[in-house]
Amino acid sequence: MIILNQYKTMKNFNLKSPIHLLACGFGSGLLKPAPGTWGSLAGVLIAILLWNLTESFLFFIGLTLVSFIAGCHICEQTSRDLNVHDDGRIVWDEIVAIFLMFAFLPEYNSLAYILTFICFRFFDVLKPYPIRYFDEKLETGLGIMFDDILAAIYALTALHLIYCFI
């Protein structure tokens, strides 16, 4: 209830809005501490469910493209409504990055899912070049989305290297 009360004071923010609900990762971005971690976990759980239903990397490519394009608007609008660029509670970008990773996992099993989460969080938090550059320079919905896509690409590279050695 405390989490919801902090939003009542924000004039243009409403969790009943589909845009805000998606941006906050169905509420996972409202959890503390580390809302990005909770959003990433939500992304992994949603992706596992969708993978079990479809078992199609093409589905995840399409889902990533649609979610990314929509996410540029969703994140931009929510940032404006919160009056904060890339507010930590906006986790749609983490969820979409996890969808991208699921399109290209080396294997689909519990170990891969755990490593997906760990590798993505590592690069999303660390933000090696050029991730940090784009995170700081792109101040739109595209910027919110793009740095996480780059972190997913780094994480996928690391994940495939890990699988080469195990």
C-alpha atoms as a PDB file:
ATOM      1  CA  MET A   1       0.000   0.000   0.000  1.00  0.00           C
ATOM      2  CA  ILE A   2       2.902   2.343   0.734  1.00  0.00           C
ATOM      3  CA  ILE A   3       4.170   1.862  -2.833  1.00  0.00           C
ATOM      4  CA  LEU A   4       0.783   2.777  -4.308  1.00  0.00           C
ATOM      5  CA  ASN A   5       0.435   5.820  -2.031  1.00  0.00           C
ATOM      6  CA  GLN A   6       3.580   7.424  -3.440  1.00  0.00           C
ATOM      7  CA  TYR A   7       1.916   7.446  -6.881  1.00  0.00           C
ATOM      8  CA  LYS A   8      -1.279   9.120  -5.733  1.00  0.00           C
ATOM      9  CA  THR A   9       0.641  12.362  -5.426  1.00  0.00           C
ATOM     10  CA  MET A  10       1.747  12.231  -9.061  1.00  0.00           C
ATOM     11  CA  LYS A  11      -0.822  14.119 -11.072  1.00  0.00           C
ATOM     12  CA  ASN A  12      -0.511  12.297 -14.400  1.00  0.00           C
ATOM     13  CA  PHE A  13       0.431   8.812 -13.207  1.00  0.00           C
ATOM     14  CA  ASN A  14      -2.163   6.069 -12.866  1.00  0.00           C
ATOM     15  CA  LEU A  15      -1.532   2.332 -12.605  1.00  0.00           C
ATOM     16  CA  LYS A  16      -4.935   1.784 -14.221  1.00  0.00           C
ATOM     17  CA  SER A  17      -3.448   3.240 -17.402  1.00  0.00           C
ATOM     18  CA  PRO A  18      -2.240   0.416 -19.690  1.00  0.00           C
ATOM     19  CA  ILE A  19       0.800   2.519 -20.635  1.00  0.00           C
ATOM     20  CA  HIS A  20       1.863   3.018 -17.021  1.00  0.00           C
ATOM     21  CA  LEU A  21       1.093  -0.590 -16.098  1.00  0.00           C
ATOM     22  CA  LEU A  22       3.300  -1.862 -18.952  1.00  0.00           C
ATOM     23  CA  ALA A  23       6.059   0.673 -18.256  1.00  0.00           C
ATOM     24  CA  CYS A  24       6.199  -0.476 -14.638  1.00  0.00           C
ATOM     25  CA  GLY A  25       6.366  -4.120 -15.713  1.00  0.00           C
ATOM     26  CA  PHE A  26       2.913  -5.032 -14.377  1.00  0.00           C
ATOM     27  CA  GLY A  27       3.983  -3.641 -11.001  1.00  0.00           C
ATOM     28  CA  SER A  28       7.395  -5.315 -10.785  1.00  0.00           C
ATOM     29  CA  GLY A  29       9.113  -1.945 -11.202  1.00  0.00           C
ATOM     30  CA  LEU A  30       7.414  -0.721  -8.050  1.00  0.00           C
ATOM     31  CA  LEU A  31       9.186  -3.290  -5.870  1.00  0.00           C
ATOM     32  CA  LYS A  32      12.163  -2.188  -3.798  1.00  0.00           C
ATOM     33  CA  PRO A  33      15.066  -2.412  -3.642  1.00  0.00           C
ATOM     34  CA  ALA A  34      16.417  -2.607  -7.195  1.00  0.00           C
ATOM     35  CA  PRO A  35      13.291  -2.277  -9.370  1.00  0.00           C
ATOM     36  CA  GLY A  36      15.327  -3.100 -12.508  1.00  0.00           C
ATOM     37  CA  THR A  37      16.191  -6.465 -11.017  1.00  0.00           C
ATOM     38  CA  TRP A  38      12.525  -7.174 -10.257  1.00  0.00           C
ATOM     39  CA  GLY A  39      11.580  -6.070 -13.778  1.00  0.00           C
ATOM     40  CA  SER A  40      14.229  -8.370 -15.258  1.00  0.00           C
ATOM     41  CA  LEU A  41      12.928 -11.245 -13.156  1.00  0.00           C
ATOM     42  CA  ALA A  42       9.404 -10.537 -14.389  1.00  0.00           C
ATOM     43  CA  GLY A  43      10.764 -10.531 -17.940  1.00  0.00           C
ATOM     44  CA  VAL A  44      12.434 -13.914 -17.462  1.00  0.00           C
ATOM     45  CA  LEU A  45       9.279 -15.427 -15.958  1.00  0.00           C
ATOM     46  CA  ILE A  46       7.082 -14.064 -18.763  1.00  0.00           C
ATOM     47  CA  ALA A  47       9.611 -15.242 -21.367  1.00  0.00           C
ATOM     48  CA  ILE A  48       9.752 -18.753 -19.869  1.00  0.00           C
ATOM     49  CA  LEU A  49       5.964 -18.949 -19.981  1.00  0.00           C
ATOM     50  CA  LEU A  50       5.851 -17.707 -23.584  1.00  0.00           C
ATOM     51  CA  TRP A  51       8.700 -20.014 -24.629  1.00  0.00           C
ATOM     52  CA  ASN A  52       6.857 -23.011 -23.173  1.00  0.00           C
ATOM     53  CA  LEU A  53       3.751 -21.999 -25.141  1.00  0.00           C
ATOM     54  CA  THR A  54       5.457 -21.269 -28.469  1.00  0.00           C
ATOM     55  CA  GLU A  55       8.991 -22.754 -28.542  1.00  0.00           C
ATOM     56  CA  SER A  56       9.698 -20.343 -31.386  1.00  0.00           C
ATOM     57  CA  PHE A  57      12.644 -18.004 -31.710  1.00  0.00           C
ATOM     58  CA  LEU A  58      10.736 -16.272 -34.544  1.00  0.00           C
ATOM     59  CA  PHE A  59       7.943 -15.498 -32.095  1.00  0.00           C
ATOM     60  CA  PHE A  60      10.482 -13.849 -29.772  1.00  0.00           C
ATOM     61  CA  ILE A  61      12.026 -11.844 -32.599  1.00  0.00           C
ATOM     62  CA  GLY A  62       8.579 -10.528 -33.534  1.00  0.00           C
ATOM     63  CA  LEU A  63       7.663  -9.960 -29.892  1.00  0.00           C
ATOM     64  CA  THR A  64      10.905  -8.043 -29.350  1.00  0.00           C
ATOM     65  CA  LEU A  65      10.357  -5.816 -32.393  1.00  0.00           C
ATOM     66  CA  VAL A  66       6.751  -4.999 -31.504  1.00  0.00           C
ATOM     67  CA  SER A  67       7.556  -4.543 -27.803  1.00  0.00           C
ATOM     68  CA  PHE A  68      10.565  -2.339 -28.614  1.00  0.00           C
ATOM     69  CA  ILE A  69       8.612  -0.050 -30.946  1.00  0.00           C
ATOM     70  CA  ALA A  70       5.702   0.187 -28.506  1.00  0.00           C
ATOM     71  CA  GLY A  71       8.182   0.550 -25.640  1.00  0.00           C
ATOM     72  CA  CYS A  72       9.666   3.717 -27.109  1.00  0.00           C
ATOM     73  CA  HIS A  73       6.245   5.349 -26.731  1.00  0.00           C
ATOM     74  CA  ILE A  74       5.347   3.612 -23.450  1.00  0.00           C
ATOM     75  CA  CYS A  75       8.602   4.643 -21.742  1.00  0.00           C
ATOM     76  CA  GLU A  76       8.583   8.170 -23.183  1.00  0.00           C
ATOM     77  CA  GLN A  77       4.999   8.826 -22.085  1.00  0.00           C
ATOM     78  CA  THR A  78       5.559   7.411 -18.606  1.00  0.00           C
ATOM     79  CA  SER A  79       8.778   9.425 -18.216  1.00  0.00           C
ATOM     80  CA  ARG A  80       6.873  12.579 -19.106  1.00  0.00           C
ATOM     81  CA  ASP A  81       4.049  11.701 -16.725  1.00  0.00           C
ATOM     82  CA  LEU A  82       6.532  11.001 -13.894  1.00  0.00           C
ATOM     83  CA  ASN A  83       8.541  14.079 -14.896  1.00  0.00           C
ATOM     84  CA  VAL A  84      11.754  12.015 -14.640  1.00  0.00           C
ATOM     85  CA  HIS A  85      13.764  10.630 -17.560  1.00  0.00           C
ATOM     86  CA  ASP A  86      14.278   6.865 -17.264  1.00  0.00           C
ATOM     87  CA  ASP A  87      12.827   6.606 -13.788  1.00  0.00           C
ATOM     88  CA  GLY A  88      13.931   3.384 -12.085  1.00  0.00           C
ATOM     89  CA  ARG A  89      10.339   2.206 -11.833  1.00  0.00           C
ATOM     90  CA  ILE A  90      10.142   2.028 -15.634  1.00  0.00           C
ATOM     91  CA  VAL A  91      11.191  -1.554 -16.359  1.00  0.00           C
ATOM     92  CA  TRP A  92       9.538  -2.279 -19.721  1.00  0.00           C
ATOM     93  CA  ASP A  93      12.999  -1.850 -21.257  1.00  0.00           C
ATOM     94  CA  GLU A  94      14.388  -4.697 -19.115  1.00  0.00           C
ATOM     95  CA  ILE A  95      11.483  -6.962 -20.067  1.00  0.00           C
ATOM     96  CA  VAL A  96      11.944  -6.326 -23.793  1.00  0.00           C
ATOM     97  CA  ALA A  97      15.694  -6.950 -23.511  1.00  0.00           C
ATOM     98  CA  ILE A  98      14.962 -10.329 -21.927  1.00  0.00           C
ATOM     99  CA  PHE A  99      12.615 -11.112 -24.852  1.00  0.00           C
ATOM    100  CA  LEU A 100      15.503 -10.399 -27.237  1.00  0.00           C
ATOM    101  CA  MET A 101      17.759 -12.727 -25.290  1.00  0.00           C
ATOM    102  CA  PHE A 102      15.180 -15.523 -25.444  1.00  0.00           C
ATOM    103  CA  ALA A 103      15.231 -15.352 -29.237  1.00  0.00           C
ATOM    104  CA  PHE A 104      18.902 -16.361 -29.227  1.00  0.00           C
ATOM    105  CA  LEU A 105      19.596 -18.489 -26.146  1.00  0.00           C
ATOM    106  CA  PRO A 106      22.122 -21.302 -26.633  1.00  0.00           C
ATOM    107  CA  GLU A 107      19.773 -23.689 -24.784  1.00  0.00           C
ATOM    108  CA  TYR A 108      16.334 -23.518 -23.214  1.00  0.00           C
ATOM    109  CA  ASN A 109      16.638 -24.951 -19.716  1.00  0.00           C
ATOM    110  CA  SER A 110      16.851 -23.806 -16.102  1.00  0.00           C
ATOM    111  CA  LEU A 111      20.591 -23.130 -16.220  1.00  0.00           C
ATOM    112  CA  ALA A 112      20.238 -20.961 -19.328  1.00  0.00           C
ATOM    113  CA  TYR A 113      17.378 -19.015 -17.737  1.00  0.00           C
ATOM    114  CA  ILE A 114      19.375 -18.335 -14.569  1.00  0.00           C
ATOM    115  CA  LEU A 115      22.454 -17.320 -16.574  1.00  0.00           C
ATOM    116  CA  THR A 116      20.285 -15.108 -18.797  1.00  0.00           C
ATOM    117  CA  PHE A 117      19.087 -13.216 -15.742  1.00  0.00           C
ATOM    118  CA  ILE A 118      22.564 -12.925 -14.193  1.00  0.00           C
ATOM    119  CA  CYS A 119      24.355 -11.917 -17.405  1.00  0.00           C
ATOM    120  CA  PHE A 120      21.730  -9.342 -18.320  1.00  0.00           C
ATOM    121  CA  ARG A 121      21.698  -7.755 -14.867  1.00  0.00           C
ATOM    122  CA  PHE A 122      25.512  -7.650 -14.864  1.00  0.00           C
ATOM    123  CA  PHE A 123      25.692  -5.673 -18.112  1.00  0.00           C
ATOM    124  CA  ASP A 124      22.616  -3.568 -17.373  1.00  0.00           C
ATOM    125  CA  VAL A 125      24.132  -2.397 -14.088  1.00  0.00           C
ATOM    126  CA  LEU A 126      27.762  -2.158 -15.268  1.00  0.00           C
ATOM    127  CA  LYS A 127      26.877  -0.376 -18.555  1.00  0.00           C
ATOM    128  CA  PRO A 128      30.202  -0.846 -20.389  1.00  0.00           C
ATOM    129  CA  TYR A 129      30.942   1.308 -23.427  1.00  0.00           C
ATOM    130  CA  PRO A 130      28.898   2.219 -25.472  1.00  0.00           C
ATOM    131  CA  ILE A 131      25.901   1.353 -23.264  1.00  0.00           C
ATOM    132  CA  ARG A 132      26.552   4.145 -20.753  1.00  0.00           C
ATOM    133  CA  TYR A 133      27.152   6.628 -23.585  1.00  0.00           C
ATOM    134  CA  PHE A 134      23.738   5.946 -25.143  1.00  0.00           C
ATOM    135  CA  ASP A 135      22.081   5.818 -21.728  1.00  0.00           C
ATOM    136  CA  GLU A 136      23.329   9.349 -21.008  1.00  0.00           C
ATOM    137  CA  LYS A 137      22.952  10.895 -24.490  1.00  0.00           C
ATOM    138  CA  LEU A 138      19.582   9.601 -25.732  1.00  0.00           C
ATOM    139  CA  GLU A 139      16.927  11.344 -23.661  1.00  0.00           C
ATOM    140  CA  THR A 140      13.820   9.905 -25.299  1.00  0.00           C
ATOM    141  CA  GLY A 141      11.849   6.688 -25.105  1.00  0.00           C
ATOM    142  CA  LEU A 142      14.294   5.313 -27.666  1.00  0.00           C
ATOM    143  CA  GLY A 143      17.143   6.057 -25.263  1.00  0.00           C
ATOM    144  CA  ILE A 144      15.378   4.295 -22.405  1.00  0.00           C
ATOM    145  CA  MET A 145      14.894   1.210 -24.577  1.00  0.00           C
ATOM    146  CA  PHE A 146      18.184   1.207 -26.504  1.00  0.00           C
ATOM    147  CA  ASP A 147      20.690   0.882 -23.667  1.00  0.00           C
ATOM    148  CA  ASP A 148      18.938  -2.260 -22.419  1.00  0.00           C
ATOM    149  CA  ILE A 149      18.972  -3.797 -25.891  1.00  0.00           C
ATOM    150  CA  LEU A 150      22.732  -3.201 -25.977  1.00  0.00           C
ATOM    151  CA  ALA A 151      23.067  -4.781 -22.514  1.00  0.00           C
ATOM    152  CA  ALA A 152      21.116  -7.800 -23.814  1.00  0.00           C
ATOM    153  CA  ILE A 153      23.505  -8.122 -26.771  1.00  0.00           C
ATOM    154  CA  TYR A 154      26.506  -8.016 -24.428  1.00  0.00           C
ATOM    155  CA  ALA A 155      24.810 -10.538 -22.138  1.00  0.00           C
ATOM    156  CA  LEU A 156      24.018 -12.864 -25.056  1.00  0.00           C
ATOM    157  CA  THR A 157      27.632 -12.724 -26.174  1.00  0.00           C
ATOM    158  CA  ALA A 158      28.800 -13.597 -22.657  1.00  0.00           C
ATOM    159  CA  LEU A 159      26.198 -16.347 -22.374  1.00  0.00           C
ATOM    160  CA  HIS A 160      27.302 -17.972 -25.624  1.00  0.00           C
ATOM    161  CA  LEU A 161      30.938 -17.774 -24.498  1.00  0.00           C
ATOM    162  CA  ILE A 162      30.011 -19.423 -21.195  1.00  0.00           C
ATOM    163  CA  TYR A 163      28.308 -22.221 -23.101  1.00  0.00           C
ATOM    164  CA  CYS A 164      31.395 -22.699 -25.273  1.00  0.00           C
ATOM    165  CA  PHE A 165      33.369 -23.489 -22.136  1.00  0.00           C
ATOM    166  CA  ILE A 166      30.870 -25.705 -20.270  1.00  0.00           C
END
